[in-house]
Amino acid sequence: MTVIAQGPSTKKETDLDKVLKIRLKVIDRETGESRYCRVVETETWNWANPEYWRIIGGWQITSYARLLNLLYLKAEKGVEEVEIVEGPRFTMLSGG
């Protein structure tokens, strides 16, 4: 049996490109205002503050890594835009 050497996979690069192209619509729970941002901008958000929540489709996102994981899943499904609802924890728990 012959073994053929395979080069490095480009799948990760393709997936990352898809994730970085996803438009993020960020909705402020307190004011109702929305804005668009790029995925790379979210890395600078304050992820360490437990009193400020970000939610996508019912899932609380607590870190940049978790956001990327969820966006990979969305990219696999062909989703091009994702809404993130953000605000202080008490507004999320009280229903607004």
C-alpha atoms as a PDB file:
ATOM      1  CA  MET A   1       0.000   0.000   0.000  1.00  0.00           C
ATOM      2  CA  THR A   2       1.367   3.388  -0.981  1.00  0.00           C
ATOM      3  CA  VAL A   3       1.090   6.286   1.437  1.00  0.00           C
ATOM      4  CA  ILE A   4       0.813   9.677  -0.194  1.00  0.00           C
ATOM      5  CA  ALA A   5       2.181  12.621   1.756  1.00  0.00           C
ATOM      6  CA  GLN A   6      -0.353  15.337   2.272  1.00  0.00           C
ATOM      7  CA  GLY A   7       0.405  19.011   2.554  1.00  0.00           C
ATOM      8  CA  PRO A   8      -0.914  21.222   5.326  1.00  0.00           C
ATOM      9  CA  SER A   9      -4.652  21.629   5.318  1.00  0.00           C
ATOM     10  CA  THR A  10      -6.054  24.986   4.266  1.00  0.00           C
ATOM     11  CA  LYS A  11      -9.437  24.221   5.820  1.00  0.00           C
ATOM     12  CA  LYS A  12      -8.662  26.245   8.949  1.00  0.00           C
ATOM     13  CA  GLU A  13      -7.709  29.264   6.867  1.00  0.00           C
ATOM     14  CA  THR A  14     -10.902  28.976   4.848  1.00  0.00           C
ATOM     15  CA  ASP A  15     -13.003  28.663   8.006  1.00  0.00           C
ATOM     16  CA  LEU A  16     -11.240  31.634   9.588  1.00  0.00           C
ATOM     17  CA  ASP A  17     -11.864  33.723   6.476  1.00  0.00           C
ATOM     18  CA  LYS A  18     -15.571  32.868   6.658  1.00  0.00           C
ATOM     19  CA  VAL A  19     -15.707  33.769  10.352  1.00  0.00           C
ATOM     20  CA  LEU A  20     -13.957  37.097   9.821  1.00  0.00           C
ATOM     21  CA  LYS A  21     -16.441  37.997   7.075  1.00  0.00           C
ATOM     22  CA  ILE A  22     -19.480  37.565   9.344  1.00  0.00           C
ATOM     23  CA  ARG A  23     -21.178  40.886  10.060  1.00  0.00           C
ATOM     24  CA  LEU A  24     -21.896  41.445  13.737  1.00  0.00           C
ATOM     25  CA  LYS A  25     -24.930  43.521  14.640  1.00  0.00           C
ATOM     26  CA  VAL A  26     -24.487  44.619  18.249  1.00  0.00           C
ATOM     27  CA  ILE A  27     -27.718  45.635  19.989  1.00  0.00           C
ATOM     28  CA  ASP A  28     -27.520  47.632  23.225  1.00  0.00           C
ATOM     29  CA  ARG A  29     -30.181  46.191  25.542  1.00  0.00           C
ATOM     30  CA  GLU A  30     -30.553  49.425  27.530  1.00  0.00           C
ATOM     31  CA  THR A  31     -30.989  51.899  24.664  1.00  0.00           C
ATOM     32  CA  GLY A  32     -32.162  49.637  21.857  1.00  0.00           C
ATOM     33  CA  GLU A  33     -29.556  51.185  19.565  1.00  0.00           C
ATOM     34  CA  SER A  34     -27.660  48.933  17.211  1.00  0.00           C
ATOM     35  CA  ARG A  35     -24.346  49.163  15.427  1.00  0.00           C
ATOM     36  CA  TYR A  36     -22.250  46.957  13.209  1.00  0.00           C
ATOM     37  CA  CYS A  37     -18.726  45.862  13.999  1.00  0.00           C
ATOM     38  CA  ARG A  38     -16.126  43.472  12.661  1.00  0.00           C
ATOM     39  CA  VAL A  39     -15.113  40.260  14.386  1.00  0.00           C
ATOM     40  CA  VAL A  40     -11.544  41.498  14.966  1.00  0.00           C
ATOM     41  CA  GLU A  41     -12.875  44.462  16.983  1.00  0.00           C
ATOM     42  CA  THR A  42     -14.452  42.132  19.546  1.00  0.00           C
ATOM     43  CA  GLU A  43     -11.063  40.935  20.771  1.00  0.00           C
ATOM     44  CA  THR A  44     -10.584  44.282  22.538  1.00  0.00           C
ATOM     45  CA  TRP A  45     -13.919  44.112  24.397  1.00  0.00           C
ATOM     46  CA  ASN A  46     -13.800  43.753  28.183  1.00  0.00           C
ATOM     47  CA  TRP A  47     -14.580  40.041  28.464  1.00  0.00           C
ATOM     48  CA  ALA A  48     -13.555  39.849  32.148  1.00  0.00           C
ATOM     49  CA  ASN A  49     -16.526  41.847  33.493  1.00  0.00           C
ATOM     50  CA  PRO A  50     -19.165  39.360  34.760  1.00  0.00           C
ATOM     51  CA  GLU A  51     -21.709  42.172  35.218  1.00  0.00           C
ATOM     52  CA  TYR A  52     -21.889  42.856  31.466  1.00  0.00           C
ATOM     53  CA  TRP A  53     -23.401  40.128  29.301  1.00  0.00           C
ATOM     54  CA  ARG A  54     -23.335  39.375  25.594  1.00  0.00           C
ATOM     55  CA  ILE A  55     -25.859  36.918  24.194  1.00  0.00           C
ATOM     56  CA  ILE A  56     -26.198  35.302  20.767  1.00  0.00           C
ATOM     57  CA  GLY A  57     -29.319  33.267  20.128  1.00  0.00           C
ATOM     58  CA  GLY A  58     -29.843  32.493  23.808  1.00  0.00           C
ATOM     59  CA  TRP A  59     -26.187  31.603  24.455  1.00  0.00           C
ATOM     60  CA  GLN A  60     -24.178  33.763  26.842  1.00  0.00           C
ATOM     61  CA  ILE A  61     -20.770  34.547  25.379  1.00  0.00           C
ATOM     62  CA  THR A  62     -18.155  35.046  28.097  1.00  0.00           C
ATOM     63  CA  SER A  63     -14.915  35.201  26.108  1.00  0.00           C
ATOM     64  CA  TYR A  64     -13.444  36.030  22.737  1.00  0.00           C
ATOM     65  CA  ALA A  65     -12.570  32.352  22.247  1.00  0.00           C
ATOM     66  CA  ARG A  66     -16.186  31.319  22.911  1.00  0.00           C
ATOM     67  CA  LEU A  67     -17.381  33.964  20.448  1.00  0.00           C
ATOM     68  CA  LEU A  68     -15.071  32.558  17.767  1.00  0.00           C
ATOM     69  CA  ASN A  69     -16.298  29.014  18.488  1.00  0.00           C
ATOM     70  CA  LEU A  70     -19.900  30.066  18.024  1.00  0.00           C
ATOM     71  CA  LEU A  71     -19.069  32.044  14.888  1.00  0.00           C
ATOM     72  CA  TYR A  72     -17.321  28.987  13.401  1.00  0.00           C
ATOM     73  CA  LEU A  73     -20.562  27.051  13.863  1.00  0.00           C
ATOM     74  CA  LYS A  74     -22.534  29.879  12.248  1.00  0.00           C
ATOM     75  CA  ALA A  75     -20.055  30.071   9.339  1.00  0.00           C
ATOM     76  CA  GLU A  76     -20.437  26.327   8.710  1.00  0.00           C
ATOM     77  CA  LYS A  77     -24.172  26.915   8.275  1.00  0.00           C
ATOM     78  CA  GLY A  78     -23.557  29.791   5.862  1.00  0.00           C
ATOM     79  CA  VAL A  79     -24.759  32.528   8.222  1.00  0.00           C
ATOM     80  CA  GLU A  80     -23.534  35.958   7.098  1.00  0.00           C
ATOM     81  CA  GLU A  81     -24.836  38.145   9.951  1.00  0.00           C
ATOM     82  CA  VAL A  82     -25.096  37.505  13.683  1.00  0.00           C
ATOM     83  CA  GLU A  83     -26.911  39.614  16.277  1.00  0.00           C
ATOM     84  CA  ILE A  84     -25.263  40.125  19.650  1.00  0.00           C
ATOM     85  CA  VAL A  85     -27.427  41.553  22.419  1.00  0.00           C
ATOM     86  CA  GLU A  86     -25.327  43.184  25.111  1.00  0.00           C
ATOM     87  CA  GLY A  87     -26.000  45.004  28.327  1.00  0.00           C
ATOM     88  CA  PRO A  88     -25.695  44.938  32.091  1.00  0.00           C
ATOM     89  CA  ARG A  89     -26.562  41.612  33.667  1.00  0.00           C
ATOM     90  CA  PHE A  90     -29.603  42.961  35.527  1.00  0.00           C
ATOM     91  CA  THR A  91     -31.269  44.084  32.278  1.00  0.00           C
ATOM     92  CA  MET A  92     -30.746  40.680  30.717  1.00  0.00           C
ATOM     93  CA  LEU A  93     -32.229  38.855  33.696  1.00  0.00           C
ATOM     94  CA  SER A  94     -35.185  41.182  34.127  1.00  0.00           C
ATOM     95  CA  GLY A  95     -36.275  40.942  30.515  1.00  0.00           C
ATOM     96  CA  GLY A  96     -35.380  44.527  29.701  1.00  0.00           C
END
